Amino acid sequence: MMDKAIVQFRAAIRLRPLGEKAHFNLGLSYLAKGEYGQARKEFETVQVINPGNYEAGRFLEYLSSLK
């Protein structure tokens, strides 16, 4: 199920590279799969697009705590 979501979010990002929601949801999908490095990359991208995105910041904090 997550693999299908990942494919869909990647397609959305190809159409709209600065799509904050698509990057955020792709990050959530990677997080659910345990692909923490990929999740971190997407949440960091969200923060570049919108530095005020609180949720992405919280997920980055969570991912940092896993080390």
Protein backbone atom coordinates (compact mmCIF):
# COMPACT_ATOMS: atom_id res chain seq x y z
CA MET A 1 0.00 0.00 0.00
CA MET A 2 2.78 2.44 0.89
CA ASP A 3 4.62 1.64 -2.33
CA LYS A 4 1.60 2.75 -4.34
CA ALA A 5 1.37 5.96 -2.31
CA ILE A 6 5.07 6.63 -2.86
CA VAL A 7 4.64 6.24 -6.61
CA GLN A 8 1.69 8.64 -6.58
CA PHE A 9 3.43 11.28 -4.46
CA ARG A 10 6.55 11.10 -6.65
CA ALA A 11 4.35 11.63 -9.72
CA ALA A 12 2.75 14.64 -8.05
CA ILE A 13 6.19 16.07 -7.28
CA ARG A 14 7.28 15.64 -10.90
CA LEU A 15 4.29 17.74 -11.93
CA ARG A 16 4.77 20.30 -9.16
CA PRO A 17 8.29 20.13 -7.71
CA LEU A 18 7.53 22.68 -4.99
CA GLY A 19 4.36 20.92 -3.86
CA GLU A 20 4.71 21.09 -0.11
CA LYS A 21 1.90 18.64 0.65
CA ALA A 22 3.21 16.02 -1.78
CA HIS A 23 6.70 16.19 -0.22
CA PHE A 24 5.21 16.03 3.27
CA ASN A 25 3.03 13.03 2.46
CA LEU A 26 5.91 11.30 0.69
CA GLY A 27 7.91 11.80 3.88
CA LEU A 28 5.12 10.24 5.91
CA SER A 29 4.99 7.29 3.52
CA TYR A 30 8.72 6.70 3.84
CA LEU A 31 8.46 7.01 7.61
CA ALA A 32 5.72 4.37 7.68
CA LYS A 33 7.98 2.03 5.69
CA GLY A 34 10.89 2.63 8.03
CA GLU A 35 12.91 4.41 5.34
CA TYR A 36 14.08 7.11 7.69
CA GLY A 37 16.77 8.64 5.47
CA GLN A 38 14.28 9.19 2.66
CA ALA A 39 11.71 10.53 5.10
CA ARG A 40 14.25 13.00 6.49
CA LYS A 41 15.07 14.22 2.98
CA GLU A 42 11.41 14.90 2.23
CA PHE A 43 10.75 16.69 5.52
CA GLU A 44 13.87 18.80 4.95
CA THR A 45 12.55 19.68 1.49
CA VAL A 46 9.25 20.74 3.06
CA GLN A 47 11.14 23.04 5.41
CA VAL A 48 13.00 24.61 2.48
CA ILE A 49 9.71 25.20 0.67
CA ASN A 50 7.99 26.46 3.82
CA PRO A 51 10.27 27.11 6.80
CA GLY A 52 7.18 27.64 8.96
CA ASN A 53 5.89 24.09 8.52
CA TYR A 54 5.70 23.01 12.15
CA GLU A 55 4.76 19.40 11.46
CA ALA A 56 7.78 18.79 9.23
CA GLY A 57 9.99 20.24 11.95
CA ARG A 58 8.47 17.91 14.53
CA PHE A 59 9.06 14.87 12.31
CA LEU A 60 12.67 15.94 11.80
CA GLU A 61 13.08 16.19 15.58
CA TYR A 62 11.59 12.70 15.93
CA LEU A 63 13.91 11.28 13.28
CA SER A 64 16.88 12.90 15.02
CA SER A 65 15.90 11.22 18.29
CA LEU A 66 16.15 7.78 16.68
CA LYS A 67 19.95 7.96 16.42
